[in-house]
């Protein structure tokens, strides 16, 4: 194994989170900045928090709302068609009698 190719390991590295929490860990880096840590992550805190940087949740909600309105229109068209078929059948029965 070659010597002097491995990075130096720092046993006391400060990890700083975007929420302001910091703790000490070991790493080859001198300082680490993270976006989510154990103090603010929803899995560990039990709080439901949506981390949405690209607007994907809003886009999903808009898409599902659009699908629901389309489904309602389809139900209306189907009901209208069923009524027309029933009316035609009733008219044919009346003419046959």
PDB file of N, CA and C in Angstrom:
ATOM      1  N   UNK A   1       0.841  -1.171   0.000  1.00  0.00           N
ATOM      2  CA  UNK A   1       0.000   0.000   0.000  1.00  0.00           C
ATOM      3  C   UNK A   1       0.893   1.243   0.000  1.00  0.00           C
ATOM      4  N   UNK A   2       0.537   2.232  -0.820  1.00  0.00           N
ATOM      5  CA  UNK A   2       1.333   3.442  -0.931  1.00  0.00           C
ATOM      6  C   UNK A   2       1.143   4.323   0.298  1.00  0.00           C
ATOM      7  N   UNK A   3       2.188   4.988   0.684  1.00  0.00           N
ATOM      8  CA  UNK A   3       2.100   5.921   1.808  1.00  0.00           C
ATOM      9  C   UNK A   3       1.859   7.326   1.274  1.00  0.00           C
ATOM     10  N   UNK A   4       1.318   8.163   2.087  1.00  0.00           N
ATOM     11  CA  UNK A   4       1.088   9.593   1.814  1.00  0.00           C
ATOM     12  C   UNK A   4       0.073   9.837   0.696  1.00  0.00           C
ATOM     13  N   UNK A   5      -0.817   8.890   0.422  1.00  0.00           N
ATOM     14  CA  UNK A   5      -1.881   9.147  -0.552  1.00  0.00           C
ATOM     15  C   UNK A   5      -3.232   9.288   0.124  1.00  0.00           C
ATOM     16  N   UNK A   6      -3.317   8.927   1.367  1.00  0.00           N
ATOM     17  CA  UNK A   6      -4.585   8.999   2.095  1.00  0.00           C
ATOM     18  C   UNK A   6      -4.764  10.376   2.718  1.00  0.00           C
ATOM     19  N   UNK A   7      -5.994  10.905   2.716  1.00  0.00           N
ATOM     20  CA  UNK A   7      -6.211  12.209   3.351  1.00  0.00           C
ATOM     21  C   UNK A   7      -6.092  12.090   4.863  1.00  0.00           C
ATOM     22  N   UNK A   8      -5.814  13.201   5.493  1.00  0.00           N
ATOM     23  CA  UNK A   8      -5.689  13.191   6.956  1.00  0.00           C
ATOM     24  C   UNK A   8      -7.074  13.140   7.580  1.00  0.00           C
ATOM     25  N   UNK A   9      -7.210  12.332   8.626  1.00  0.00           N
ATOM     26  CA  UNK A   9      -8.481  12.165   9.315  1.00  0.00           C
ATOM     27  C   UNK A   9      -8.522  13.107  10.498  1.00  0.00           C
ATOM     28  N   UNK A  10      -9.576  13.928  10.548  1.00  0.00           N
ATOM     29  CA  UNK A  10      -9.776  14.855  11.663  1.00  0.00           C
ATOM     30  C   UNK A  10     -10.816  14.257  12.591  1.00  0.00           C
ATOM     31  N   UNK A  11     -10.439  14.024  13.828  1.00  0.00           N
ATOM     32  CA  UNK A  11     -11.349  13.398  14.791  1.00  0.00           C
ATOM     33  C   UNK A  11     -12.364  14.388  15.352  1.00  0.00           C
ATOM     34  N   UNK A  12     -12.040  15.677  15.362  1.00  0.00           N
ATOM     35  CA  UNK A  12     -12.925  16.695  15.927  1.00  0.00           C
ATOM     36  C   UNK A  12     -13.323  17.686  14.825  1.00  0.00           C
ATOM     37  N   UNK A  13     -14.398  17.347  14.086  1.00  0.00           N
ATOM     38  CA  UNK A  13     -14.904  18.211  13.027  1.00  0.00           C
ATOM     39  C   UNK A  13     -16.282  18.716  13.438  1.00  0.00           C
ATOM     40  N   UNK A  14     -16.517  19.990  13.277  1.00  0.00           N
ATOM     41  CA  UNK A  14     -17.812  20.574  13.618  1.00  0.00           C
ATOM     42  C   UNK A  14     -18.739  20.457  12.417  1.00  0.00           C
ATOM     43  N   UNK A  15     -19.897  19.843  12.646  1.00  0.00           N
ATOM     44  CA  UNK A  15     -20.930  19.722  11.628  1.00  0.00           C
ATOM     45  C   UNK A  15     -22.008  20.740  11.964  1.00  0.00           C
ATOM     46  N   UNK A  16     -22.289  21.661  11.024  1.00  0.00           N
ATOM     47  CA  UNK A  16     -23.255  22.723  11.262  1.00  0.00           C
ATOM     48  C   UNK A  16     -24.444  22.527  10.320  1.00  0.00           C
ATOM     49  N   UNK A  17     -25.652  22.568  10.896  1.00  0.00           N
ATOM     50  CA  UNK A  17     -26.885  22.398  10.124  1.00  0.00           C
ATOM     51  C   UNK A  17     -27.470  23.760   9.779  1.00  0.00           C
ATOM     52  N   UNK A  18     -28.336  23.772   8.763  1.00  0.00           N
ATOM     53  CA  UNK A  18     -29.004  25.009   8.358  1.00  0.00           C
ATOM     54  C   UNK A  18     -29.946  25.517   9.449  1.00  0.00           C
ATOM     55  N   UNK A  19     -30.426  24.612  10.311  1.00  0.00           N
ATOM     56  CA  UNK A  19     -31.333  25.019  11.391  1.00  0.00           C
ATOM     57  C   UNK A  19     -30.592  25.674  12.546  1.00  0.00           C
ATOM     58  N   UNK A  20     -29.251  25.626  12.538  1.00  0.00           N
ATOM     59  CA  UNK A  20     -28.466  26.248  13.602  1.00  0.00           C
ATOM     60  C   UNK A  20     -27.844  25.243  14.556  1.00  0.00           C
ATOM     61  N   UNK A  21     -28.257  23.995  14.481  1.00  0.00           N
ATOM     62  CA  UNK A  21     -27.708  22.960  15.346  1.00  0.00           C
ATOM     63  C   UNK A  21     -26.297  22.608  14.877  1.00  0.00           C
ATOM     64  N   UNK A  22     -25.412  22.302  15.830  1.00  0.00           N
ATOM     65  CA  UNK A  22     -24.065  21.866  15.475  1.00  0.00           C
ATOM     66  C   UNK A  22     -23.649  20.751  16.421  1.00  0.00           C
ATOM     67  N   UNK A  23     -22.823  19.846  15.913  1.00  0.00           N
ATOM     68  CA  UNK A  23     -22.303  18.747  16.710  1.00  0.00           C
ATOM     69  C   UNK A  23     -20.938  18.365  16.170  1.00  0.00           C
ATOM     70  N   UNK A  24     -20.218  17.532  16.924  1.00  0.00           N
ATOM     71  CA  UNK A  24     -18.856  17.153  16.580  1.00  0.00           C
ATOM     72  C   UNK A  24     -18.853  15.733  16.031  1.00  0.00           C
ATOM     73  N   UNK A  25     -18.098  15.536  14.980  1.00  0.00           N
ATOM     74  CA  UNK A  25     -17.971  14.225  14.354  1.00  0.00           C
ATOM     75  C   UNK A  25     -16.545  14.086  13.822  1.00  0.00           C
ATOM     76  N   UNK A  26     -16.274  12.964  13.179  1.00  0.00           N
ATOM     77  CA  UNK A  26     -14.971  12.746  12.576  1.00  0.00           C
ATOM     78  C   UNK A  26     -15.086  12.688  11.075  1.00  0.00           C
ATOM     79  N   UNK A  27     -14.111  13.275  10.373  1.00  0.00           N
ATOM     80  CA  UNK A  27     -14.160  13.301   8.924  1.00  0.00           C
ATOM     81  C   UNK A  27     -12.800  13.697   8.366  1.00  0.00           C
ATOM     82  N   UNK A  28     -12.656  13.549   7.056  1.00  0.00           N
ATOM     83  CA  UNK A  28     -11.447  14.033   6.403  1.00  0.00           C
ATOM     84  C   UNK A  28     -11.576  15.509   6.058  1.00  0.00           C
ATOM     85  N   UNK A  29     -12.790  16.053   6.090  1.00  0.00           N
ATOM     86  CA  UNK A  29     -13.005  17.483   5.878  1.00  0.00           C
ATOM     87  C   UNK A  29     -12.756  18.225   7.180  1.00  0.00           C
ATOM     88  N   UNK A  30     -12.468  19.513   7.071  1.00  0.00           N
ATOM     89  CA  UNK A  30     -12.228  20.309   8.273  1.00  0.00           C
ATOM     90  C   UNK A  30     -13.514  20.862   8.858  1.00  0.00           C
ATOM     91  N   UNK A  31     -14.491  21.101   8.012  1.00  0.00           N
ATOM     92  CA  UNK A  31     -15.776  21.636   8.455  1.00  0.00           C
ATOM     93  C   UNK A  31     -16.854  21.099   7.515  1.00  0.00           C
ATOM     94  N   UNK A  32     -18.037  20.768   8.072  1.00  0.00           N
ATOM     95  CA  UNK A  32     -19.125  20.217   7.271  1.00  0.00           C
ATOM     96  C   UNK A  32     -20.379  21.052   7.509  1.00  0.00           C
ATOM     97  N   UNK A  33     -21.039  21.450   6.415  1.00  0.00           N
ATOM     98  CA  UNK A  33     -22.321  22.167   6.485  1.00  0.00           C
ATOM     99  C   UNK A  33     -23.384  21.282   5.844  1.00  0.00           C
ATOM    100  N   UNK A  34     -24.479  21.028   6.570  1.00  0.00           N
ATOM    101  CA  UNK A  34     -25.556  20.174   6.078  1.00  0.00           C
ATOM    102  C   UNK A  34     -26.869  20.949   6.097  1.00  0.00           C
ATOM    103  N   UNK A  35     -27.848  20.467   5.310  1.00  0.00           N
ATOM    104  CA  UNK A  35     -29.160  21.121   5.255  1.00  0.00           C
ATOM    105  C   UNK A  35     -30.118  20.578   6.304  1.00  0.00           C
ATOM    106  N   UNK A  36     -30.062  19.277   6.563  1.00  0.00           N
ATOM    107  CA  UNK A  36     -30.970  18.642   7.518  1.00  0.00           C
ATOM    108  C   UNK A  36     -30.158  17.773   8.464  1.00  0.00           C
ATOM    109  N   UNK A  37     -30.463  17.861   9.751  1.00  0.00           N
ATOM    110  CA  UNK A  37     -29.763  17.052  10.751  1.00  0.00           C
ATOM    111  C   UNK A  37     -30.789  16.310  11.612  1.00  0.00           C
ATOM    112  N   UNK A  38     -30.308  15.635  12.628  1.00  0.00           N
ATOM    113  CA  UNK A  38     -31.204  14.871  13.498  1.00  0.00           C
ATOM    114  C   UNK A  38     -32.138  15.773  14.316  1.00  0.00           C
ATOM    115  N   UNK A  39     -31.779  17.020  14.492  1.00  0.00           N
ATOM    116  CA  UNK A  39     -32.608  17.930  15.290  1.00  0.00           C
ATOM    117  C   UNK A  39     -33.793  18.489  14.491  1.00  0.00           C
ATOM    118  N   UNK A  40     -33.680  18.514  13.151  1.00  0.00           N
ATOM    119  CA  UNK A  40     -34.755  19.100  12.355  1.00  0.00           C
ATOM    120  C   UNK A  40     -35.353  18.124  11.345  1.00  0.00           C
ATOM    121  N   UNK A  41     -34.849  16.908  11.255  1.00  0.00           N
ATOM    122  CA  UNK A  41     -35.381  15.939  10.298  1.00  0.00           C
ATOM    123  C   UNK A  41     -36.727  15.418  10.795  1.00  0.00           C
ATOM    124  N   UNK A  42     -37.757  15.362   9.916  1.00  0.00           N
ATOM    125  CA  UNK A  42     -39.097  14.942  10.349  1.00  0.00           C
ATOM    126  C   UNK A  42     -39.143  13.521  10.911  1.00  0.00           C
ATOM    127  N   UNK A  43     -38.291  12.636  10.455  1.00  0.00           N
ATOM    128  CA  UNK A  43     -38.300  11.264  10.967  1.00  0.00           C
ATOM    129  C   UNK A  43     -37.932  11.228  12.441  1.00  0.00           C
ATOM    130  N   UNK A  44     -36.957  12.029  12.839  1.00  0.00           N
ATOM    131  CA  UNK A  44     -36.502  12.026  14.227  1.00  0.00           C
ATOM    132  C   UNK A  44     -37.335  12.925  15.125  1.00  0.00           C
ATOM    133  N   UNK A  45     -37.885  13.999  14.580  1.00  0.00           N
ATOM    134  CA  UNK A  45     -38.659  14.923  15.405  1.00  0.00           C
ATOM    135  C   UNK A  45     -40.118  14.514  15.522  1.00  0.00           C
ATOM    136  N   UNK A  46     -40.627  13.736  14.558  1.00  0.00           N
ATOM    137  CA  UNK A  46     -42.020  13.326  14.577  1.00  0.00           C
ATOM    138  C   UNK A  46     -42.955  14.368  13.997  1.00  0.00           C
ATOM    139  N   UNK A  47     -42.421  15.480  13.526  1.00  0.00           N
ATOM    140  CA  UNK A  47     -43.228  16.534  12.926  1.00  0.00           C
ATOM    141  C   UNK A  47     -43.260  16.328  11.424  1.00  0.00           C
ATOM    142  N   UNK A  48     -44.434  16.500  10.849  1.00  0.00           N
ATOM    143  CA  UNK A  48     -44.570  16.364   9.408  1.00  0.00           C
ATOM    144  C   UNK A  48     -44.225  17.699   8.771  1.00  0.00           C
ATOM    145  N   UNK A  49     -43.104  17.742   8.078  1.00  0.00           N
ATOM    146  CA  UNK A  49     -42.660  18.973   7.451  1.00  0.00           C
ATOM    147  C   UNK A  49     -42.281  18.656   6.011  1.00  0.00           C
ATOM    148  N   UNK A  50     -42.808  19.408   5.067  1.00  0.00           N
ATOM    149  CA  UNK A  50     -42.530  19.160   3.663  1.00  0.00           C
ATOM    150  C   UNK A  50     -41.352  20.026   3.237  1.00  0.00           C
ATOM    151  N   UNK A  51     -40.298  19.386   2.775  1.00  0.00           N
ATOM    152  CA  UNK A  51     -39.140  20.098   2.257  1.00  0.00           C
ATOM    153  C   UNK A  51     -39.304  20.108   0.747  1.00  0.00           C
ATOM    154  N   UNK A  52     -39.708  21.250   0.222  1.00  0.00           N
ATOM    155  CA  UNK A  52     -40.031  21.356  -1.193  1.00  0.00           C
ATOM    156  C   UNK A  52     -39.271  22.526  -1.787  1.00  0.00           C
ATOM    157  N   UNK A  53     -38.203  22.221  -2.496  1.00  0.00           N
ATOM    158  CA  UNK A  53     -37.402  23.295  -3.062  1.00  0.00           C
ATOM    159  C   UNK A  53     -37.772  23.597  -4.498  1.00  0.00           C
ATOM    160  N   UNK A  54     -38.361  22.657  -5.199  1.00  0.00           N
ATOM    161  CA  UNK A  54     -38.650  22.865  -6.618  1.00  0.00           C
ATOM    162  C   UNK A  54     -40.139  23.042  -6.901  1.00  0.00           C
ATOM    163  N   UNK A  55     -40.981  23.146  -5.873  1.00  0.00           N
ATOM    164  CA  UNK A  55     -42.409  23.319  -6.087  1.00  0.00           C
ATOM    165  C   UNK A  55     -43.109  22.056  -6.542  1.00  0.00           C
ATOM    166  N   UNK A  56     -42.542  20.912  -6.270  1.00  0.00           N
ATOM    167  CA  UNK A  56     -43.097  19.647  -6.740  1.00  0.00           C
ATOM    168  C   UNK A  56     -44.394  19.291  -6.017  1.00  0.00           C
ATOM    169  N   UNK A  57     -44.483  19.628  -4.738  1.00  0.00           N
ATOM    170  CA  UNK A  57     -45.698  19.304  -3.982  1.00  0.00           C
ATOM    171  C   UNK A  57     -46.873  20.112  -4.520  1.00  0.00           C
ATOM    172  N   UNK A  58     -46.659  21.405  -4.759  1.00  0.00           N
ATOM    173  CA  UNK A  58     -47.727  22.241  -5.303  1.00  0.00           C
ATOM    174  C   UNK A  58     -48.132  21.757  -6.687  1.00  0.00           C
ATOM    175  N   UNK A  59     -47.155  21.360  -7.487  1.00  0.00           N
ATOM    176  CA  UNK A  59     -47.439  20.850  -8.828  1.00  0.00           C
ATOM    177  C   UNK A  59     -48.272  19.571  -8.750  1.00  0.00           C
ATOM    178  N   UNK A  60     -47.928  18.694  -7.799  1.00  0.00           N
ATOM    179  CA  UNK A  60     -48.673  17.452  -7.620  1.00  0.00           C
ATOM    180  C   UNK A  60     -50.105  17.736  -7.182  1.00  0.00           C
ATOM    181  N   UNK A  61     -50.282  18.653  -6.242  1.00  0.00           N
ATOM    182  CA  UNK A  61     -51.623  18.997  -5.769  1.00  0.00           C
ATOM    183  C   UNK A  61     -52.470  19.591  -6.892  1.00  0.00           C
ATOM    184  N   UNK A  62     -51.862  20.442  -7.725  1.00  0.00           N
ATOM    185  CA  UNK A  62     -52.585  21.026  -8.836  1.00  0.00           C
ATOM    186  C   UNK A  62     -52.991  19.948  -9.845  1.00  0.00           C
ATOM    187  N   UNK A  63     -52.099  19.004 -10.094  1.00  0.00           N
ATOM    188  CA  UNK A  63     -52.384  17.921 -11.038  1.00  0.00           C
ATOM    189  C   UNK A  63     -53.517  17.034 -10.528  1.00  0.00           C
ATOM    190  N   UNK A  64     -53.514  16.687  -9.242  1.00  0.00           N
ATOM    191  CA  UNK A  64     -54.583  15.843  -8.708  1.00  0.00           C
ATOM    192  C   UNK A  64     -55.919  16.584  -8.701  1.00  0.00           C
ATOM    193  N   UNK A  65     -55.893  17.889  -8.433  1.00  0.00           N
ATOM    194  CA  UNK A  65     -57.139  18.665  -8.477  1.00  0.00           C
ATOM    195  C   UNK A  65     -57.698  18.688  -9.896  1.00  0.00           C
ATOM    196  N   UNK A  66     -56.827  18.832 -10.874  1.00  0.00           N
ATOM    197  CA  UNK A  66     -57.259  18.834 -12.271  1.00  0.00           C
ATOM    198  C   UNK A  66     -57.859  17.484 -12.641  1.00  0.00           C
ATOM    199  N   UNK A  67     -57.238  16.404 -12.186  1.00  0.00           N
ATOM    200  CA  UNK A  67     -57.751  15.068 -12.471  1.00  0.00           C
ATOM    201  C   UNK A  67     -59.121  14.851 -11.842  1.00  0.00           C
ATOM    202  N   UNK A  68     -59.340  15.399 -10.648  1.00  0.00           N
ATOM    203  CA  UNK A  68     -60.641  15.260  -9.994  1.00  0.00           C
ATOM    204  C   UNK A  68     -61.727  16.002 -10.771  1.00  0.00           C
ATOM    205  N   UNK A  69     -61.413  17.193 -11.287  1.00  0.00           N
ATOM    206  CA  UNK A  69     -62.420  17.932 -12.051  1.00  0.00           C
ATOM    207  C   UNK A  69     -62.742  17.217 -13.358  1.00  0.00           C
ATOM    208  N   UNK A  70     -61.737  16.638 -13.986  1.00  0.00           N
ATOM    209  CA  UNK A  70     -61.970  15.875 -15.216  1.00  0.00           C
ATOM    210  C   UNK A  70     -62.835  14.657 -14.914  1.00  0.00           C
ATOM    211  N   UNK A  71     -62.573  14.004 -13.794  1.00  0.00           N
ATOM    212  CA  UNK A  71     -63.367  12.836 -13.406  1.00  0.00           C
ATOM    213  C   UNK A  71     -64.818  13.235 -13.150  1.00  0.00           C
ATOM    214  N   UNK A  72     -65.042  14.395 -12.536  1.00  0.00           N
ATOM    215  CA  UNK A  72     -66.410  14.865 -12.287  1.00  0.00           C
ATOM    216  C   UNK A  72     -67.135  15.137 -13.613  1.00  0.00           C
ATOM    217  N   UNK A  73     -66.421  15.729 -14.570  1.00  0.00           N
ATOM    218  CA  UNK A  73     -67.034  15.989 -15.877  1.00  0.00           C
ATOM    219  C   UNK A  73     -67.386  14.680 -16.562  1.00  0.00           C
ATOM    220  N   UNK A  74     -66.511  13.700 -16.458  1.00  0.00           N
ATOM    221  CA  UNK A  74     -66.785  12.412 -17.087  1.00  0.00           C
ATOM    222  C   UNK A  74     -68.005  11.753 -16.471  1.00  0.00           C
ATOM    223  N   UNK A  75     -68.139  11.864 -15.160  1.00  0.00           N
ATOM    224  CA  UNK A  75     -69.313  11.287 -14.503  1.00  0.00           C
ATOM    225  C   UNK A  75     -70.575  11.966 -15.015  1.00  0.00           C
ATOM    226  N   UNK A  76     -70.505  13.277 -15.196  1.00  0.00           N
ATOM    227  CA  UNK A  76     -71.655  14.017 -15.703  1.00  0.00           C
ATOM    228  C   UNK A  76     -72.010  13.590 -17.118  1.00  0.00           C
ATOM    229  N   UNK A  77     -71.000  13.407 -17.972  1.00  0.00           N
ATOM    230  CA  UNK A  77     -71.246  12.979 -19.343  1.00  0.00           C
ATOM    231  C   UNK A  77     -71.820  11.574 -19.376  1.00  0.00           C
ATOM    232  N   UNK A  78     -71.304  10.715 -18.512  1.00  0.00           N
ATOM    233  CA  UNK A  78     -71.801   9.337 -18.477  1.00  0.00           C
ATOM    234  C   UNK A  78     -73.251   9.316 -18.013  1.00  0.00           C
ATOM    235  N   UNK A  79     -73.561  10.113 -16.999  1.00  0.00           N
ATOM    236  CA  UNK A  79     -74.938  10.170 -16.515  1.00  0.00           C
ATOM    237  C   UNK A  79     -75.860  10.721 -17.600  1.00  0.00           C
ATOM    238  N   UNK A  80     -75.402  11.735 -18.321  1.00  0.00           N
ATOM    239  CA  UNK A  80     -76.203  12.310 -19.400  1.00  0.00           C
ATOM    240  C   UNK A  80     -76.437  11.272 -20.491  1.00  0.00           C
ATOM    241  N   UNK A  81     -75.398  10.530 -20.849  1.00  0.00           N
ATOM    242  CA  UNK A  81     -75.523   9.501 -21.881  1.00  0.00           C
ATOM    243  C   UNK A  81     -76.475   8.389 -21.430  1.00  0.00           C
ATOM    244  N   UNK A  82     -76.326   7.958 -20.177  1.00  0.00           N
ATOM    245  CA  UNK A  82     -77.228   6.921 -19.656  1.00  0.00           C
ATOM    246  C   UNK A  82     -78.681   7.385 -19.686  1.00  0.00           C
ATOM    247  N   UNK A  83     -78.897   8.667 -19.375  1.00  0.00           N
ATOM    248  CA  UNK A  83     -80.254   9.209 -19.400  1.00  0.00           C
ATOM    249  C   UNK A  83     -80.793   9.217 -20.827  1.00  0.00           C
ATOM    250  N   UNK A  84     -79.947   9.580 -21.792  1.00  0.00           N
ATOM    251  CA  UNK A  84     -80.375   9.584 -23.187  1.00  0.00           C
ATOM    252  C   UNK A  84     -80.736   8.182 -23.656  1.00  0.00           C
ATOM    253  N   UNK A  85     -79.929   7.200 -23.273  1.00  0.00           N
ATOM    254  CA  UNK A  85     -80.212   5.808 -23.653  1.00  0.00           C
ATOM    255  C   UNK A  85     -81.518   5.350 -23.021  1.00  0.00           C
ATOM    256  N   UNK A  86     -81.729   5.700 -21.755  1.00  0.00           N
ATOM    257  CA  UNK A  86     -82.967   5.316 -21.071  1.00  0.00           C
ATOM    258  C   UNK A  86     -84.172   5.996 -21.720  1.00  0.00           C
ATOM    259  N   UNK A  87     -84.031   7.266 -22.097  1.00  0.00           N
ATOM    260  CA  UNK A  87     -85.125   7.987 -22.753  1.00  0.00           C
ATOM    261  C   UNK A  87     -85.468   7.353 -24.097  1.00  0.00           C
ATOM    262  N   UNK A  88     -84.426   6.994 -24.876  1.00  0.00           N
ATOM    263  CA  UNK A  88     -84.663   6.347 -26.164  1.00  0.00           C
ATOM    264  C   UNK A  88     -85.381   5.010 -25.980  1.00  0.00           C
ATOM    265  N   UNK A  89     -84.944   4.240 -24.987  1.00  0.00           N
ATOM    266  CA  UNK A  89     -85.576   2.951 -24.735  1.00  0.00           C
ATOM    267  C   UNK A  89     -87.044   3.138 -24.331  1.00  0.00           C
ATOM    268  N   UNK A  90     -87.307   4.148 -23.498  1.00  0.00           N
ATOM    269  CA  UNK A  90     -88.682   4.420 -23.079  1.00  0.00           C
ATOM    270  C   UNK A  90     -89.527   4.867 -24.286  1.00  0.00           C
ATOM    271  N   UNK A  91     -88.951   5.702 -25.134  1.00  0.00           N
ATOM    272  CA  UNK A  91     -89.656   6.164 -26.321  1.00  0.00           C
ATOM    273  C   UNK A  91     -89.969   5.018 -27.259  1.00  0.00           C
ATOM    274  N   UNK A  92     -88.997   4.101 -27.436  1.00  0.00           N
ATOM    275  CA  UNK A  92     -89.216   2.933 -28.292  1.00  0.00           C
ATOM    276  C   UNK A  92     -90.300   2.025 -27.721  1.00  0.00           C
ATOM    277  N   UNK A  93     -90.350   1.876 -26.414  1.00  0.00           N
ATOM    278  CA  UNK A  93     -91.390   1.063 -25.762  1.00  0.00           C
ATOM    279  C   UNK A  93     -92.757   1.688 -25.978  1.00  0.00           C
ATOM    280  N   UNK A  94     -92.819   3.014 -25.848  1.00  0.00           N
ATOM    281  CA  UNK A  94     -94.073   3.706 -26.036  1.00  0.00           C
ATOM    282  C   UNK A  94     -94.558   3.593 -27.476  1.00  0.00           C
ATOM    283  N   UNK A  95     -93.633   3.684 -28.445  1.00  0.00           N
ATOM    284  CA  UNK A  95     -94.021   3.567 -29.850  1.00  0.00           C
ATOM    285  C   UNK A  95     -94.448   2.149 -30.197  1.00  0.00           C
ATOM    286  N   UNK A  96     -93.810   1.178 -29.557  1.00  0.00           N
ATOM    287  CA  UNK A  96     -94.154  -0.222 -29.829  1.00  0.00           C
ATOM    288  C   UNK A  96     -95.523  -0.572 -29.235  1.00  0.00           C
ATOM    289  N   UNK A  97     -95.901   0.085 -28.184  1.00  0.00           N
ATOM    290  CA  UNK A  97     -97.169  -0.251 -27.528  1.00  0.00           C
ATOM    291  C   UNK A  97     -98.358   0.383 -28.148  1.00  0.00           C
TER     292      UNK A  97
END
